[in-house]
Amino acid sequence: MNISREVLYALECTHAAPAPATLVSGSLMCAWCREAKYIVGVIEYEWAAHCQNCAFKRWAGLSKHNAGVFATGHCRHEPAHVVDIEYARNPTATRTAEKFKAWQAGRNHGAA
């Protein structure tokens, strides 16, 4: 289960920025460039900590390290649980990517 409603957006500068999954256009502040950059896509694959014993799943974006931190924290509270770190497709990001592509297609179709 994905409790996060944020996804990672690919920016024109080739960096990524997290934002609400409801965006399909516009720009976001790039933490590296320190200026607003246009959204060019949605990053669907992310690192995640996923428990084999319960519904715990935390998405960690592009950071395998953060997924490990989430896994360790869960195991500290639930010592008998087994938590895997995986690189997987985030279902929320996939839905947002579909909306983004549809918006892009409609925008390009209207310009023709």
N, C-alpha and C. Protein backbone atom coordinates (compact mmCIF):
# COMPACT_ATOMS: atom_id res chain seq x y z
N MET A 1 0.85 -1.17 0.00
CA MET A 1 0.00 0.00 0.00
C MET A 1 0.89 1.23 0.00
N ASN A 2 0.60 2.16 -0.86
CA ASN A 2 1.37 3.38 -0.95
C ASN A 2 0.60 4.51 -0.26
N ILE A 3 1.07 4.93 0.91
CA ILE A 3 0.37 5.99 1.62
C ILE A 3 0.83 7.37 1.15
N SER A 4 1.92 7.41 0.40
CA SER A 4 2.44 8.68 -0.08
C SER A 4 1.66 9.12 -1.31
N ARG A 5 1.31 10.36 -1.35
CA ARG A 5 0.63 10.93 -2.51
C ARG A 5 1.58 11.81 -3.30
N GLU A 6 2.87 11.68 -3.02
CA GLU A 6 3.88 12.41 -3.77
C GLU A 6 4.59 11.44 -4.69
N VAL A 7 5.00 11.96 -5.84
CA VAL A 7 5.79 11.17 -6.79
C VAL A 7 6.99 12.01 -7.21
N LEU A 8 7.91 11.39 -7.92
CA LEU A 8 9.07 12.10 -8.43
C LEU A 8 8.82 12.53 -9.86
N TYR A 9 9.08 13.79 -10.12
CA TYR A 9 8.94 14.33 -11.47
C TYR A 9 10.32 14.54 -12.07
N ALA A 10 10.47 14.17 -13.34
CA ALA A 10 11.70 14.43 -14.07
C ALA A 10 11.63 15.88 -14.56
N LEU A 11 12.71 16.60 -14.37
CA LEU A 11 12.76 18.01 -14.75
C LEU A 11 13.62 18.20 -15.99
N GLU A 12 13.44 19.31 -16.67
CA GLU A 12 14.18 19.59 -17.90
C GLU A 12 15.69 19.62 -17.69
N CYS A 13 16.14 19.84 -16.48
CA CYS A 13 17.57 19.91 -16.18
C CYS A 13 18.17 18.52 -15.92
N THR A 14 17.37 17.48 -16.04
CA THR A 14 17.70 16.07 -15.80
C THR A 14 17.72 15.69 -14.32
N HIS A 15 17.37 16.58 -13.44
CA HIS A 15 17.23 16.26 -12.02
C HIS A 15 15.79 15.81 -11.76
N ALA A 16 15.51 15.43 -10.53
CA ALA A 16 14.17 15.01 -10.13
C ALA A 16 13.73 15.82 -8.92
N ALA A 17 12.42 15.99 -8.81
CA ALA A 17 11.86 16.72 -7.67
C ALA A 17 10.56 16.05 -7.24
N PRO A 18 10.36 15.89 -5.92
CA PRO A 18 9.09 15.33 -5.44
C PRO A 18 8.02 16.41 -5.40
N ALA A 19 6.79 15.98 -5.68
CA ALA A 19 5.65 16.90 -5.63
C ALA A 19 4.37 16.07 -5.59
N PRO A 20 3.23 16.70 -5.31
CA PRO A 20 1.97 15.96 -5.28
C PRO A 20 1.70 15.24 -6.60
N ALA A 21 1.08 14.07 -6.50
CA ALA A 21 0.81 13.25 -7.67
C ALA A 21 -0.25 13.85 -8.58
N THR A 22 -0.81 14.98 -8.23
CA THR A 22 -1.87 15.61 -9.03
C THR A 22 -1.34 16.50 -10.14
N LEU A 23 -0.04 16.76 -10.17
CA LEU A 23 0.50 17.65 -11.20
C LEU A 23 0.63 16.94 -12.54
N VAL A 24 0.31 17.64 -13.61
CA VAL A 24 0.56 17.11 -14.96
C VAL A 24 1.24 18.15 -15.84
N SER A 25 1.52 19.30 -15.29
CA SER A 25 2.20 20.34 -16.06
C SER A 25 2.82 21.34 -15.10
N GLY A 26 3.56 22.28 -15.69
CA GLY A 26 4.14 23.35 -14.90
C GLY A 26 5.60 23.15 -14.61
N SER A 27 6.04 23.78 -13.54
CA SER A 27 7.44 23.70 -13.17
C SER A 27 7.56 23.47 -11.67
N LEU A 28 8.71 22.97 -11.29
CA LEU A 28 9.02 22.73 -9.87
C LEU A 28 10.39 23.30 -9.57
N MET A 29 10.61 23.61 -8.32
CA MET A 29 11.91 24.09 -7.89
C MET A 29 12.90 22.93 -7.86
N CYS A 30 14.00 23.07 -8.58
CA CYS A 30 15.05 22.06 -8.57
C CYS A 30 16.01 22.39 -7.42
N ALA A 31 16.21 21.42 -6.53
CA ALA A 31 17.07 21.64 -5.36
C ALA A 31 18.53 21.81 -5.76
N TRP A 32 18.94 21.24 -6.88
CA TRP A 32 20.33 21.33 -7.31
C TRP A 32 20.60 22.60 -8.11
N CYS A 33 19.69 22.93 -9.02
CA CYS A 33 19.87 24.13 -9.85
C CYS A 33 19.43 25.40 -9.11
N ARG A 34 18.62 25.22 -8.08
CA ARG A 34 18.07 26.32 -7.28
C ARG A 34 17.25 27.31 -8.10
N GLU A 35 16.48 26.75 -9.04
CA GLU A 35 15.55 27.56 -9.82
C GLU A 35 14.44 26.67 -10.34
N ALA A 36 13.35 27.29 -10.77
CA ALA A 36 12.22 26.53 -11.28
C ALA A 36 12.57 25.91 -12.64
N LYS A 37 12.23 24.64 -12.80
CA LYS A 37 12.48 23.91 -14.05
C LYS A 37 11.18 23.23 -14.47
N TYR A 38 10.96 23.15 -15.78
CA TYR A 38 9.74 22.53 -16.29
C TYR A 38 9.73 21.02 -16.07
N ILE A 39 8.55 20.51 -15.80
CA ILE A 39 8.34 19.07 -15.66
C ILE A 39 8.33 18.47 -17.07
N VAL A 40 9.15 17.41 -17.26
CA VAL A 40 9.19 16.74 -18.56
C VAL A 40 8.72 15.29 -18.47
N GLY A 41 8.44 14.80 -17.28
CA GLY A 41 7.98 13.42 -17.15
C GLY A 41 7.81 13.02 -15.69
N VAL A 42 7.43 11.78 -15.50
CA VAL A 42 7.23 11.21 -14.17
C VAL A 42 8.16 10.01 -14.04
N ILE A 43 8.87 9.93 -12.93
CA ILE A 43 9.76 8.81 -12.67
C ILE A 43 8.94 7.71 -12.00
N GLU A 44 8.80 6.59 -12.69
CA GLU A 44 7.93 5.52 -12.20
C GLU A 44 8.64 4.52 -11.29
N TYR A 45 9.93 4.29 -11.49
CA TYR A 45 10.65 3.31 -10.67
C TYR A 45 11.37 4.01 -9.53
N GLU A 46 11.20 3.46 -8.33
CA GLU A 46 11.79 4.02 -7.12
C GLU A 46 12.25 2.88 -6.21
N TRP A 47 13.09 3.23 -5.26
CA TRP A 47 13.47 2.30 -4.20
C TRP A 47 12.36 2.29 -3.16
N ALA A 48 12.14 1.12 -2.57
CA ALA A 48 11.11 1.01 -1.54
C ALA A 48 11.52 -0.03 -0.51
N ALA A 49 11.05 0.17 0.71
CA ALA A 49 11.17 -0.83 1.77
C ALA A 49 9.81 -1.52 1.86
N HIS A 50 9.80 -2.85 1.76
CA HIS A 50 8.56 -3.60 1.70
C HIS A 50 8.60 -4.77 2.67
N CYS A 51 7.70 -4.78 3.64
CA CYS A 51 7.66 -5.83 4.65
C CYS A 51 6.94 -7.07 4.12
N GLN A 52 7.51 -8.24 4.39
CA GLN A 52 6.89 -9.50 3.99
C GLN A 52 5.81 -9.95 4.97
N ASN A 53 5.77 -9.33 6.15
CA ASN A 53 4.87 -9.77 7.20
C ASN A 53 3.65 -8.87 7.44
N CYS A 54 3.67 -7.68 6.87
CA CYS A 54 2.54 -6.77 7.08
C CYS A 54 2.42 -5.83 5.87
N ALA A 55 1.54 -4.86 5.96
CA ALA A 55 1.28 -3.96 4.84
C ALA A 55 2.28 -2.81 4.72
N PHE A 56 3.32 -2.81 5.54
CA PHE A 56 4.29 -1.71 5.52
C PHE A 56 5.00 -1.65 4.17
N LYS A 57 4.96 -0.48 3.54
CA LYS A 57 5.73 -0.21 2.32
C LYS A 57 5.97 1.28 2.27
N ARG A 58 7.25 1.67 2.17
CA ARG A 58 7.60 3.08 2.09
C ARG A 58 8.46 3.31 0.86
N TRP A 59 8.04 4.26 0.05
CA TRP A 59 8.79 4.63 -1.15
C TRP A 59 9.88 5.61 -0.77
N ALA A 60 11.05 5.44 -1.36
CA ALA A 60 12.21 6.26 -1.00
C ALA A 60 12.80 7.01 -2.19
N GLY A 61 12.04 7.12 -3.25
CA GLY A 61 12.54 7.85 -4.41
C GLY A 61 13.75 7.16 -5.03
N LEU A 62 14.75 7.92 -5.36
CA LEU A 62 15.94 7.38 -6.02
C LEU A 62 17.04 6.99 -5.03
N SER A 63 16.70 6.97 -3.74
CA SER A 63 17.69 6.70 -2.71
C SER A 63 17.54 5.30 -2.12
N LYS A 64 18.45 4.42 -2.49
CA LYS A 64 18.48 3.08 -1.90
C LYS A 64 18.82 3.18 -0.41
N HIS A 65 19.66 4.14 -0.06
CA HIS A 65 20.03 4.36 1.33
C HIS A 65 18.78 4.67 2.17
N ASN A 66 17.93 5.58 1.69
CA ASN A 66 16.72 5.93 2.45
C ASN A 66 15.79 4.73 2.59
N ALA A 67 15.70 3.90 1.55
CA ALA A 67 14.89 2.68 1.67
C ALA A 67 15.43 1.80 2.79
N GLY A 68 16.75 1.72 2.91
CA GLY A 68 17.36 0.96 3.99
C GLY A 68 17.05 1.54 5.35
N VAL A 69 17.03 2.86 5.44
CA VAL A 69 16.68 3.53 6.70
C VAL A 69 15.24 3.20 7.08
N PHE A 70 14.33 3.23 6.10
CA PHE A 70 12.93 2.90 6.37
C PHE A 70 12.80 1.45 6.83
N ALA A 71 13.54 0.55 6.16
CA ALA A 71 13.50 -0.87 6.52
C ALA A 71 14.02 -1.09 7.94
N THR A 72 15.13 -0.45 8.27
CA THR A 72 15.72 -0.58 9.60
C THR A 72 14.76 -0.06 10.67
N GLY A 73 14.14 1.06 10.40
CA GLY A 73 13.19 1.64 11.35
C GLY A 73 12.00 0.71 11.60
N HIS A 74 11.50 0.10 10.53
CA HIS A 74 10.37 -0.82 10.70
C HIS A 74 10.80 -2.04 11.50
N CYS A 75 11.97 -2.57 11.19
CA CYS A 75 12.47 -3.76 11.92
C CYS A 75 12.75 -3.44 13.39
N ARG A 76 13.09 -2.20 13.68
CA ARG A 76 13.33 -1.81 15.07
C ARG A 76 12.01 -1.86 15.86
N HIS A 77 10.90 -1.48 15.21
CA HIS A 77 9.60 -1.51 15.88
C HIS A 77 8.94 -2.89 15.81
N GLU A 78 9.30 -3.66 14.80
CA GLU A 78 8.72 -5.00 14.60
C GLU A 78 9.86 -5.99 14.36
N PRO A 79 10.58 -6.40 15.41
CA PRO A 79 11.79 -7.22 15.26
C PRO A 79 11.59 -8.55 14.53
N ALA A 80 10.40 -9.11 14.56
CA ALA A 80 10.16 -10.40 13.91
C ALA A 80 9.86 -10.26 12.41
N HIS A 81 9.71 -9.05 11.93
CA HIS A 81 9.35 -8.83 10.53
C HIS A 81 10.58 -8.86 9.62
N VAL A 82 10.36 -9.26 8.39
CA VAL A 82 11.41 -9.30 7.37
C VAL A 82 11.07 -8.23 6.32
N VAL A 83 11.97 -7.28 6.14
CA VAL A 83 11.73 -6.18 5.21
C VAL A 83 12.73 -6.25 4.07
N ASP A 84 12.20 -6.24 2.85
CA ASP A 84 13.04 -6.24 1.65
C ASP A 84 13.20 -4.82 1.14
N ILE A 85 14.33 -4.57 0.51
CA ILE A 85 14.54 -3.32 -0.21
C ILE A 85 14.46 -3.67 -1.69
N GLU A 86 13.58 -2.98 -2.40
CA GLU A 86 13.37 -3.30 -3.81
C GLU A 86 13.33 -2.05 -4.67
N TYR A 87 13.70 -2.22 -5.92
CA TYR A 87 13.58 -1.17 -6.93
C TYR A 87 12.39 -1.57 -7.77
N ALA A 88 11.29 -0.84 -7.64
CA ALA A 88 10.03 -1.27 -8.25
C ALA A 88 9.26 -0.08 -8.81
N ARG A 89 8.25 -0.40 -9.58
CA ARG A 89 7.37 0.62 -10.15
C ARG A 89 6.39 1.07 -9.08
N ASN A 90 6.35 2.37 -8.85
CA ASN A 90 5.44 2.97 -7.88
C ASN A 90 4.07 3.12 -8.57
N PRO A 91 3.03 2.45 -8.08
CA PRO A 91 1.72 2.51 -8.74
C PRO A 91 1.15 3.92 -8.83
N THR A 92 1.39 4.74 -7.82
CA THR A 92 0.91 6.12 -7.86
C THR A 92 1.61 6.88 -8.97
N ALA A 93 2.91 6.67 -9.12
CA ALA A 93 3.67 7.33 -10.18
C ALA A 93 3.23 6.85 -11.55
N THR A 94 2.90 5.58 -11.68
CA THR A 94 2.44 5.05 -12.96
C THR A 94 1.13 5.71 -13.37
N ARG A 95 0.20 5.84 -12.43
CA ARG A 95 -1.07 6.52 -12.74
C ARG A 95 -0.83 7.99 -13.12
N THR A 96 0.07 8.64 -12.39
CA THR A 96 0.38 10.04 -12.69
C THR A 96 1.05 10.15 -14.06
N ALA A 97 1.92 9.21 -14.40
CA ALA A 97 2.59 9.22 -15.71
C ALA A 97 1.57 9.07 -16.83
N GLU A 98 0.57 8.23 -16.63
CA GLU A 98 -0.48 8.07 -17.65
C GLU A 98 -1.25 9.38 -17.84
N LYS A 99 -1.58 10.05 -16.74
CA LYS A 99 -2.26 11.35 -16.83
C LYS A 99 -1.37 12.38 -17.52
N PHE A 100 -0.08 12.36 -17.18
CA PHE A 100 0.86 13.30 -17.77
C PHE A 100 0.94 13.09 -19.29
N LYS A 101 1.05 11.83 -19.72
CA LYS A 101 1.12 11.52 -21.15
C LYS A 101 -0.15 11.92 -21.87
N ALA A 102 -1.31 11.68 -21.25
CA ALA A 102 -2.58 12.07 -21.86
C ALA A 102 -2.67 13.59 -21.98
N TRP A 103 -2.22 14.30 -20.97
CA TRP A 103 -2.24 15.76 -21.01
C TRP A 103 -1.32 16.26 -22.11
N GLN A 104 -0.11 15.66 -22.20
CA GLN A 104 0.83 16.05 -23.24
C GLN A 104 0.26 15.80 -24.63
N ALA A 105 -0.38 14.64 -24.82
CA ALA A 105 -0.97 14.31 -26.12
C ALA A 105 -2.09 15.29 -26.48
N GLY A 106 -2.94 15.61 -25.50
CA GLY A 106 -4.02 16.57 -25.75
C GLY A 106 -3.49 17.95 -26.06
N ARG A 107 -2.44 18.33 -25.39
CA ARG A 107 -1.82 19.64 -25.62
C ARG A 107 -1.19 19.71 -27.00
N ASN A 108 -0.48 18.64 -27.40
CA ASN A 108 0.15 18.61 -28.71
C ASN A 108 -0.88 18.49 -29.82
N HIS A 109 -1.98 17.77 -29.55
CA HIS A 109 -3.03 17.60 -30.56
C HIS A 109 -3.73 18.94 -30.83
N GLY A 110 -3.93 19.71 -29.78
CA GLY A 110 -4.58 21.02 -29.92
C GLY A 110 -3.73 22.01 -30.67
N ALA A 111 -2.41 21.84 -30.66
CA ALA A 111 -1.49 22.76 -31.34
C ALA A 111 -1.41 22.46 -32.83
N ALA A 112 -1.85 21.29 -33.25
CA ALA A 112 -1.72 20.91 -34.68
C ALA A 112 -2.79 21.51 -35.53
